Every structure is written in structure tokens, then in C-alpha cells.
Amino acid sequence: MRVESPIMTCQEFTDFIADYLSGDLSAEVRRAFEHHLDLCPNCVNYIASYKAAIELGRGALSADETDVPPDVPEDLVRAILDSRKPS
């Protein structure tokens, strides 16, 4: 016997995306999420770009702060570093 997945909207999809990727959804919500992915090419594209953004963020955070490209103006680097200092 096949149990139908509950309907999920695109808005609900975006509400659950982080929990989906971390594996924190209940089985029922995960089925609804994956069913929505089967039906919605826009959300397939959305989750792909979401994953890419996470990977870019991880790459940026893992970069050594001393690896500033040589063509970046020194005053810009100083301004960015000064803005990161606690007030």
C-alpha cells in the first residue's frame, strides 16, 4: 500500500531546507519535501544554488586571512579589518 506524501508549497520548502540538508526532518516531512522536489524544477534549482552558497561560504571561512590578493588596495584591507573590530 502506497501512502501519499502531504503537499508542500514552495514557501514551506524554503522553511525546511536547512533541516532537510542536516537530516533533521521527520520521515513524513522529509517525504513531503522530496515529493515537492520531484514536482518542482524551481525548487530543484533553488536547493542546488543553496548548497553551492553553503560550499562557497565554507571555502571563504576556511581561507587564511593572510591570503589577500596582491591587487587589493591596502586601504581597503585596513578598512575591512577595522570594521571587524569590536567597538
PDB file of N, CA and C in Angstrom:
ATOM      1  N   MET A   1       0.840  -1.174   0.000  1.00  0.00           N
ATOM      2  CA  MET A   1       0.000   0.000   0.000  1.00  0.00           C
ATOM      3  C   MET A   1       0.892   1.247   0.000  1.00  0.00           C
ATOM      4  N   ARG A   2       0.624   2.175  -0.907  1.00  0.00           N
ATOM      5  CA  ARG A   2       1.414   3.400  -1.013  1.00  0.00           C
ATOM      6  C   ARG A   2       0.713   4.511  -0.254  1.00  0.00           C
ATOM      7  N   VAL A   3       1.474   5.183   0.611  1.00  0.00           N
ATOM      8  CA  VAL A   3       0.934   6.307   1.367  1.00  0.00           C
ATOM      9  C   VAL A   3       1.344   7.582   0.636  1.00  0.00           C
ATOM     10  N   GLU A   4       0.365   8.431   0.311  1.00  0.00           N
ATOM     11  CA  GLU A   4       0.649   9.680  -0.378  1.00  0.00           C
ATOM     12  C   GLU A   4       1.383  10.642   0.548  1.00  0.00           C
ATOM     13  N   SER A   5       2.345  11.355  -0.016  1.00  0.00           N
ATOM     14  CA  SER A   5       3.046  12.388   0.742  1.00  0.00           C
ATOM     15  C   SER A   5       2.164  13.614   0.836  1.00  0.00           C
ATOM     16  N   PRO A   6       2.198  14.279   1.982  1.00  0.00           N
ATOM     17  CA  PRO A   6       1.440  15.524   2.094  1.00  0.00           C
ATOM     18  C   PRO A   6       1.977  16.548   1.096  1.00  0.00           C
ATOM     19  N   ILE A   7       1.119  17.457   0.667  1.00  0.00           N
ATOM     20  CA  ILE A   7       1.511  18.508  -0.266  1.00  0.00           C
ATOM     21  C   ILE A   7       2.327  19.561   0.476  1.00  0.00           C
ATOM     22  N   MET A   8       3.404  20.006  -0.164  1.00  0.00           N
ATOM     23  CA  MET A   8       4.244  21.056   0.404  1.00  0.00           C
ATOM     24  C   MET A   8       4.332  22.174  -0.630  1.00  0.00           C
ATOM     25  N   THR A   9       4.188  23.406  -0.177  1.00  0.00           N
ATOM     26  CA  THR A   9       4.324  24.554  -1.069  1.00  0.00           C
ATOM     27  C   THR A   9       5.795  24.948  -1.190  1.00  0.00           C
ATOM     28  N   CYS A  10       6.097  25.818  -2.159  1.00  0.00           N
ATOM     29  CA  CYS A  10       7.475  26.306  -2.315  1.00  0.00           C
ATOM     30  C   CYS A  10       7.909  27.079  -1.072  1.00  0.00           C
ATOM     31  N   GLN A  11       7.003  27.840  -0.471  1.00  0.00           N
ATOM     32  CA  GLN A  11       7.334  28.593   0.746  1.00  0.00           C
ATOM     33  C   GLN A  11       7.689  27.638   1.882  1.00  0.00           C
ATOM     34  N   GLU A  12       6.905  26.607   2.058  1.00  0.00           N
ATOM     35  CA  GLU A  12       7.204  25.619   3.098  1.00  0.00           C
ATOM     36  C   GLU A  12       8.534  24.927   2.795  1.00  0.00           C
ATOM     37  N   PHE A  13       8.779  24.659   1.529  1.00  0.00           N
ATOM     38  CA  PHE A  13      10.033  24.051   1.107  1.00  0.00           C
ATOM     39  C   PHE A  13      11.215  24.872   1.610  1.00  0.00           C
ATOM     40  N   THR A  14      11.152  26.189   1.399  1.00  0.00           N
ATOM     41  CA  THR A  14      12.267  27.036   1.842  1.00  0.00           C
ATOM     42  C   THR A  14      12.373  27.075   3.357  1.00  0.00           C
ATOM     43  N   ASP A  15      11.246  26.917   4.053  1.00  0.00           N
ATOM     44  CA  ASP A  15      11.278  26.900   5.516  1.00  0.00           C
ATOM     45  C   ASP A  15      12.002  25.667   6.060  1.00  0.00           C
ATOM     46  N   PHE A  16      11.974  24.573   5.305  1.00  0.00           N
ATOM     47  CA  PHE A  16      12.531  23.304   5.780  1.00  0.00           C
ATOM     48  C   PHE A  16      13.887  22.950   5.190  1.00  0.00           C
ATOM     49  N   ILE A  17      14.427  23.764   4.302  1.00  0.00           N
ATOM     50  CA  ILE A  17      15.618  23.367   3.547  1.00  0.00           C
ATOM     51  C   ILE A  17      16.843  23.098   4.442  1.00  0.00           C
ATOM     52  N   ALA A  18      17.069  23.937   5.432  1.00  0.00           N
ATOM     53  CA  ALA A  18      18.233  23.725   6.310  1.00  0.00           C
ATOM     54  C   ALA A  18      18.090  22.424   7.098  1.00  0.00           C
ATOM     55  N   ASP A  19      16.893  22.172   7.611  1.00  0.00           N
ATOM     56  CA  ASP A  19      16.666  20.927   8.354  1.00  0.00           C
ATOM     57  C   ASP A  19      16.768  19.708   7.441  1.00  0.00           C
ATOM     58  N   TYR A  20      16.338  19.856   6.192  1.00  0.00           N
ATOM     59  CA  TYR A  20      16.454  18.756   5.232  1.00  0.00           C
ATOM     60  C   TYR A  20      17.921  18.410   5.002  1.00  0.00           C
ATOM     61  N   LEU A  21      18.717  19.415   4.742  1.00  0.00           N
ATOM     62  CA  LEU A  21      20.133  19.175   4.447  1.00  0.00           C
ATOM     63  C   LEU A  21      20.903  18.646   5.652  1.00  0.00           C
ATOM     64  N   SER A  22      20.447  18.994   6.848  1.00  0.00           N
ATOM     65  CA  SER A  22      21.126  18.499   8.045  1.00  0.00           C
ATOM     66  C   SER A  22      20.565  17.152   8.521  1.00  0.00           C
ATOM     67  N   GLY A  23      19.507  16.676   7.853  1.00  0.00           N
ATOM     68  CA  GLY A  23      18.919  15.386   8.220  1.00  0.00           C
ATOM     69  C   GLY A  23      18.027  15.443   9.442  1.00  0.00           C
ATOM     70  N   ASP A  24      17.503  16.635   9.758  1.00  0.00           N
ATOM     71  CA  ASP A  24      16.712  16.806  10.971  1.00  0.00           C
ATOM     72  C   ASP A  24      15.201  16.793  10.758  1.00  0.00           C
ATOM     73  N   LEU A  25      14.730  16.371   9.591  1.00  0.00           N
ATOM     74  CA  LEU A  25      13.288  16.320   9.350  1.00  0.00           C
ATOM     75  C   LEU A  25      12.719  14.964   9.759  1.00  0.00           C
ATOM     76  N   SER A  26      11.483  14.979  10.205  1.00  0.00           N
ATOM     77  CA  SER A  26      10.792  13.717  10.468  1.00  0.00           C
ATOM     78  C   SER A  26      10.614  12.995   9.132  1.00  0.00           C
ATOM     79  N   ALA A  27      10.357  11.715   9.181  1.00  0.00           N
ATOM     80  CA  ALA A  27      10.191  10.927   7.958  1.00  0.00           C
ATOM     81  C   ALA A  27       9.048  11.475   7.107  1.00  0.00           C
ATOM     82  N   GLU A  28       7.959  11.865   7.725  1.00  0.00           N
ATOM     83  CA  GLU A  28       6.800  12.372   6.982  1.00  0.00           C
ATOM     84  C   GLU A  28       7.123  13.692   6.266  1.00  0.00           C
ATOM     85  N   VAL A  29       7.766  14.603   6.975  1.00  0.00           N
ATOM     86  CA  VAL A  29       8.108  15.891   6.366  1.00  0.00           C
ATOM     87  C   VAL A  29       9.166  15.702   5.287  1.00  0.00           C
ATOM     88  N   ARG A  30      10.106  14.809   5.519  1.00  0.00           N
ATOM     89  CA  ARG A  30      11.134  14.523   4.514  1.00  0.00           C
ATOM     90  C   ARG A  30      10.491  13.976   3.234  1.00  0.00           C
ATOM     91  N   ARG A  31       9.518  13.080   3.366  1.00  0.00           N
ATOM     92  CA  ARG A  31       8.816  12.543   2.188  1.00  0.00           C
ATOM     93  C   ARG A  31       8.114  13.667   1.432  1.00  0.00           C
ATOM     94  N   ALA A  32       7.461  14.570   2.163  1.00  0.00           N
ATOM     95  CA  ALA A  32       6.773  15.698   1.518  1.00  0.00           C
ATOM     96  C   ALA A  32       7.788  16.602   0.815  1.00  0.00           C
ATOM     97  N   PHE A  33       8.907  16.830   1.456  1.00  0.00           N
ATOM     98  CA  PHE A  33       9.963  17.665   0.890  1.00  0.00           C
ATOM     99  C   PHE A  33      10.484  17.047  -0.407  1.00  0.00           C
ATOM    100  N   GLU A  34      10.796  15.764  -0.377  1.00  0.00           N
ATOM    101  CA  GLU A  34      11.325  15.088  -1.550  1.00  0.00           C
ATOM    102  C   GLU A  34      10.279  14.955  -2.648  1.00  0.00           C
ATOM    103  N   HIS A  35       9.018  14.786  -2.260  1.00  0.00           N
ATOM    104  CA  HIS A  35       7.930  14.757  -3.242  1.00  0.00           C
ATOM    105  C   HIS A  35       7.845  16.108  -3.947  1.00  0.00           C
ATOM    106  N   HIS A  36       7.972  17.179  -3.194  1.00  0.00           N
ATOM    107  CA  HIS A  36       7.950  18.518  -3.785  1.00  0.00           C
ATOM    108  C   HIS A  36       9.120  18.664  -4.762  1.00  0.00           C
ATOM    109  N   LEU A  37      10.291  18.181  -4.399  1.00  0.00           N
ATOM    110  CA  LEU A  37      11.454  18.227  -5.302  1.00  0.00           C
ATOM    111  C   LEU A  37      11.180  17.471  -6.602  1.00  0.00           C
ATOM    112  N   ASP A  38      10.448  16.366  -6.509  1.00  0.00           N
ATOM    113  CA  ASP A  38      10.110  15.592  -7.705  1.00  0.00           C
ATOM    114  C   ASP A  38       9.221  16.381  -8.660  1.00  0.00           C
ATOM    115  N   LEU A  39       8.443  17.317  -8.124  1.00  0.00           N
ATOM    116  CA  LEU A  39       7.453  18.035  -8.923  1.00  0.00           C
ATOM    117  C   LEU A  39       7.845  19.453  -9.310  1.00  0.00           C
ATOM    118  N   CYS A  40       8.824  20.034  -8.656  1.00  0.00           N
ATOM    119  CA  CYS A  40       9.079  21.463  -8.803  1.00  0.00           C
ATOM    120  C   CYS A  40      10.517  21.748  -9.260  1.00  0.00           C
ATOM    121  N   PRO A  41      10.718  21.997 -10.545  1.00  0.00           N
ATOM    122  CA  PRO A  41      12.071  22.285 -11.034  1.00  0.00           C
ATOM    123  C   PRO A  41      12.650  23.571 -10.433  1.00  0.00           C
ATOM    124  N   ASN A  42      11.810  24.524 -10.097  1.00  0.00           N
ATOM    125  CA  ASN A  42      12.317  25.754  -9.473  1.00  0.00           C
ATOM    126  C   ASN A  42      12.964  25.459  -8.124  1.00  0.00           C
ATOM    127  N   CYS A  43      12.366  24.586  -7.345  1.00  0.00           N
ATOM    128  CA  CYS A  43      12.938  24.251  -6.043  1.00  0.00           C
ATOM    129  C   CYS A  43      14.164  23.353  -6.181  1.00  0.00           C
ATOM    130  N   VAL A  44      14.222  22.549  -7.238  1.00  0.00           N
ATOM    131  CA  VAL A  44      15.434  21.772  -7.522  1.00  0.00           C
ATOM    132  C   VAL A  44      16.588  22.738  -7.768  1.00  0.00           C
ATOM    133  N   ASN A  45      16.336  23.780  -8.577  1.00  0.00           N
ATOM    134  CA  ASN A  45      17.362  24.793  -8.830  1.00  0.00           C
ATOM    135  C   ASN A  45      17.700  25.552  -7.557  1.00  0.00           C
ATOM    136  N   TYR A  46      16.673  25.851  -6.756  1.00  0.00           N
ATOM    137  CA  TYR A  46      16.886  26.589  -5.515  1.00  0.00           C
ATOM    138  C   TYR A  46      17.791  25.810  -4.557  1.00  0.00           C
ATOM    139  N   ILE A  47      17.522  24.531  -4.383  1.00  0.00           N
ATOM    140  CA  ILE A  47      18.327  23.746  -3.443  1.00  0.00           C
ATOM    141  C   ILE A  47      19.759  23.586  -3.973  1.00  0.00           C
ATOM    142  N   ALA A  48      19.921  23.482  -5.287  1.00  0.00           N
ATOM    143  CA  ALA A  48      21.272  23.392  -5.848  1.00  0.00           C
ATOM    144  C   ALA A  48      22.052  24.680  -5.585  1.00  0.00           C
ATOM    145  N   SER A  49      21.409  25.824  -5.760  1.00  0.00           N
ATOM    146  CA  SER A  49      22.112  27.086  -5.506  1.00  0.00           C
ATOM    147  C   SER A  49      22.338  27.292  -4.008  1.00  0.00           C
ATOM    148  N   TYR A  50      21.422  26.815  -3.182  1.00  0.00           N
ATOM    149  CA  TYR A  50      21.574  26.892  -1.724  1.00  0.00           C
ATOM    150  C   TYR A  50      22.809  26.092  -1.285  1.00  0.00           C
ATOM    151  N   LYS A  51      22.933  24.876  -1.826  1.00  0.00           N
ATOM    152  CA  LYS A  51      24.090  24.032  -1.498  1.00  0.00           C
ATOM    153  C   LYS A  51      25.386  24.687  -1.981  1.00  0.00           C
ATOM    154  N   ALA A  52      25.350  25.274  -3.172  1.00  0.00           N
ATOM    155  CA  ALA A  52      26.539  25.937  -3.709  1.00  0.00           C
ATOM    156  C   ALA A  52      26.942  27.115  -2.827  1.00  0.00           C
ATOM    157  N   ALA A  53      25.952  27.863  -2.339  1.00  0.00           N
ATOM    158  CA  ALA A  53      26.249  29.001  -1.465  1.00  0.00           C
ATOM    159  C   ALA A  53      26.885  28.537  -0.164  1.00  0.00           C
ATOM    160  N   ILE A  54      26.407  27.436   0.379  1.00  0.00           N
ATOM    161  CA  ILE A  54      26.991  26.884   1.608  1.00  0.00           C
ATOM    162  C   ILE A  54      28.451  26.504   1.359  1.00  0.00           C
ATOM    163  N   GLU A  55      28.721  25.856   0.239  1.00  0.00           N
ATOM    164  CA  GLU A  55      30.095  25.455  -0.082  1.00  0.00           C
ATOM    165  C   GLU A  55      30.991  26.677  -0.279  1.00  0.00           C
ATOM    166  N   LEU A  56      30.491  27.704  -0.955  1.00  0.00           N
ATOM    167  CA  LEU A  56      31.269  28.926  -1.125  1.00  0.00           C
ATOM    168  C   LEU A  56      31.578  29.567   0.226  1.00  0.00           C
ATOM    169  N   GLY A  57      30.574  29.577   1.104  1.00  0.00           N
ATOM    170  CA  GLY A  57      30.776  30.131   2.438  1.00  0.00           C
ATOM    171  C   GLY A  57      31.817  29.355   3.221  1.00  0.00           C
ATOM    172  N   ARG A  58      31.751  28.041   3.139  1.00  0.00           N
ATOM    173  CA  ARG A  58      32.761  27.215   3.832  1.00  0.00           C
ATOM    174  C   ARG A  58      34.150  27.495   3.287  1.00  0.00           C
ATOM    175  N   GLY A  59      34.242  27.640   1.981  1.00  0.00           N
ATOM    176  CA  GLY A  59      35.534  27.929   1.370  1.00  0.00           C
ATOM    177  C   GLY A  59      36.066  29.284   1.799  1.00  0.00           C
ATOM    178  N   ALA A  60      35.178  30.258   1.894  1.00  0.00           N
ATOM    179  CA  ALA A  60      35.603  31.602   2.304  1.00  0.00           C
ATOM    180  C   ALA A  60      36.045  31.601   3.761  1.00  0.00           C
ATOM    181  N   LEU A  61      35.339  30.855   4.590  1.00  0.00           N
ATOM    182  CA  LEU A  61      35.675  30.826   6.011  1.00  0.00           C
ATOM    183  C   LEU A  61      36.931  30.016   6.287  1.00  0.00           C
ATOM    184  N   SER A  62      37.244  29.093   5.416  1.00  0.00           N
ATOM    185  CA  SER A  62      38.431  28.288   5.649  1.00  0.00           C
ATOM    186  C   SER A  62      39.688  28.937   5.065  1.00  0.00           C
ATOM    187  N   ALA A  63      39.512  29.993   4.298  1.00  0.00           N
ATOM    188  CA  ALA A  63      40.673  30.669   3.703  1.00  0.00           C
ATOM    189  C   ALA A  63      41.466  31.380   4.790  1.00  0.00           C
ATOM    190  N   ASP A  64      42.756  31.334   4.646  1.00  0.00           N
ATOM    191  CA  ASP A  64      43.645  32.022   5.579  1.00  0.00           C
ATOM    192  C   ASP A  64      43.486  33.518   5.392  1.00  0.00           C
ATOM    193  N   GLU A  65      43.294  34.253   6.490  1.00  0.00           N
ATOM    194  CA  GLU A  65      43.080  35.699   6.405  1.00  0.00           C
ATOM    195  C   GLU A  65      44.276  36.438   5.828  1.00  0.00           C
ATOM    196  N   THR A  66      45.423  35.830   5.805  1.00  0.00           N
ATOM    197  CA  THR A  66      46.601  36.494   5.257  1.00  0.00           C
ATOM    198  C   THR A  66      46.676  36.365   3.735  1.00  0.00           C
ATOM    199  N   ASP A  67      45.807  35.568   3.144  1.00  0.00           N
ATOM    200  CA  ASP A  67      45.827  35.356   1.699  1.00  0.00           C
ATOM    201  C   ASP A  67      44.993  36.414   0.972  1.00  0.00           C
ATOM    202  N   VAL A  68      45.443  37.646   1.019  1.00  0.00           N
ATOM    203  CA  VAL A  68      44.777  38.727   0.309  1.00  0.00           C
ATOM    204  C   VAL A  68      45.460  38.866  -1.045  1.00  0.00           C
ATOM    205  N   PRO A  69      44.661  38.863  -2.128  1.00  0.00           N
ATOM    206  CA  PRO A  69      45.270  39.013  -3.447  1.00  0.00           C
ATOM    207  C   PRO A  69      46.095  40.306  -3.532  1.00  0.00           C
ATOM    208  N   PRO A  70      47.172  40.293  -4.255  1.00  0.00           N
ATOM    209  CA  PRO A  70      48.071  41.456  -4.302  1.00  0.00           C
ATOM    210  C   PRO A  70      47.448  42.698  -4.927  1.00  0.00           C
ATOM    211  N   ASP A  71      46.395  42.542  -5.728  1.00  0.00           N
ATOM    212  CA  ASP A  71      45.798  43.707  -6.388  1.00  0.00           C
ATOM    213  C   ASP A  71      44.729  44.403  -5.540  1.00  0.00           C
ATOM    214  N   VAL A  72      44.500  43.929  -4.307  1.00  0.00           N
ATOM    215  CA  VAL A  72      43.535  44.567  -3.415  1.00  0.00           C
ATOM    216  C   VAL A  72      44.228  45.739  -2.715  1.00  0.00           C
ATOM    217  N   PRO A  73      43.635  46.947  -2.831  1.00  0.00           N
ATOM    218  CA  PRO A  73      44.276  48.125  -2.201  1.00  0.00           C
ATOM    219  C   PRO A  73      44.419  47.962  -0.688  1.00  0.00           C
ATOM    220  N   GLU A  74      45.562  48.363  -0.169  1.00  0.00           N
ATOM    221  CA  GLU A  74      45.859  48.239   1.260  1.00  0.00           C
ATOM    222  C   GLU A  74      44.855  48.989   2.112  1.00  0.00           C
ATOM    223  N   ASP A  75      44.407  50.170   1.667  1.00  0.00           N
ATOM    224  CA  ASP A  75      43.440  50.942   2.463  1.00  0.00           C
ATOM    225  C   ASP A  75      42.095  50.230   2.547  1.00  0.00           C
ATOM    226  N   LEU A  76      41.732  49.466   1.527  1.00  0.00           N
ATOM    227  CA  LEU A  76      40.505  48.681   1.579  1.00  0.00           C
ATOM    228  C   LEU A  76      40.634  47.559   2.601  1.00  0.00           C
ATOM    229  N   VAL A  77      41.761  46.875   2.597  1.00  0.00           N
ATOM    230  CA  VAL A  77      42.005  45.799   3.567  1.00  0.00           C
ATOM    231  C   VAL A  77      41.950  46.362   4.982  1.00  0.00           C
ATOM    232  N   ARG A  78      42.595  47.501   5.199  1.00  0.00           N
ATOM    233  CA  ARG A  78      42.593  48.124   6.527  1.00  0.00           C
ATOM    234  C   ARG A  78      41.178  48.499   6.960  1.00  0.00           C
ATOM    235  N   ALA A  79      40.388  49.065   6.038  1.00  0.00           N
ATOM    236  CA  ALA A  79      39.015  49.463   6.364  1.00  0.00           C
ATOM    237  C   ALA A  79      38.168  48.241   6.733  1.00  0.00           C
ATOM    238  N   ILE A  80      38.338  47.171   6.024  1.00  0.00           N
ATOM    239  CA  ILE A  80      37.575  45.949   6.327  1.00  0.00           C
ATOM    240  C   ILE A  80      37.976  45.393   7.684  1.00  0.00           C
ATOM    241  N   LEU A  81      39.272  45.328   7.934  1.00  0.00           N
ATOM    242  CA  LEU A  81      39.742  44.818   9.233  1.00  0.00           C
ATOM    243  C   LEU A  81      39.299  45.718  10.371  1.00  0.00           C
ATOM    244  N   ASP A  82      39.352  47.041  10.170  1.00  0.00           N
ATOM    245  CA  ASP A  82      38.907  47.977  11.229  1.00  0.00           C
ATOM    246  C   ASP A  82      37.414  47.829  11.499  1.00  0.00           C
ATOM    247  N   SER A  83      36.632  47.538  10.477  1.00  0.00           N
ATOM    248  CA  SER A  83      35.182  47.404  10.679  1.00  0.00           C
ATOM    249  C   SER A  83      34.834  46.130  11.445  1.00  0.00           C
ATOM    250  N   ARG A  84      35.736  45.172  11.469  1.00  0.00           N
ATOM    251  CA  ARG A  84      35.505  43.904  12.168  1.00  0.00           C
ATOM    252  C   ARG A  84      35.890  43.980  13.642  1.00  0.00           C
ATOM    253  N   LYS A  85      36.585  45.029  14.044  1.00  0.00           N
ATOM    254  CA  LYS A  85      36.994  45.165  15.439  1.00  0.00           C
ATOM    255  C   LYS A  85      35.797  45.549  16.286  1.00  0.00           C
ATOM    256  N   PRO A  86      35.664  44.938  17.484  1.00  0.00           N
ATOM    257  CA  PRO A  86      34.555  45.318  18.380  1.00  0.00           C
ATOM    258  C   PRO A  86      34.681  46.763  18.801  1.00  0.00           C
ATOM    259  N   SER A  87      33.523  47.412  18.931  1.00  0.00           N
ATOM    260  CA  SER A  87      33.509  48.844  19.340  1.00  0.00           C
ATOM    261  C   SER A  87      33.804  49.012  20.796  1.00  0.00           C
TER     262      SER A  87
END
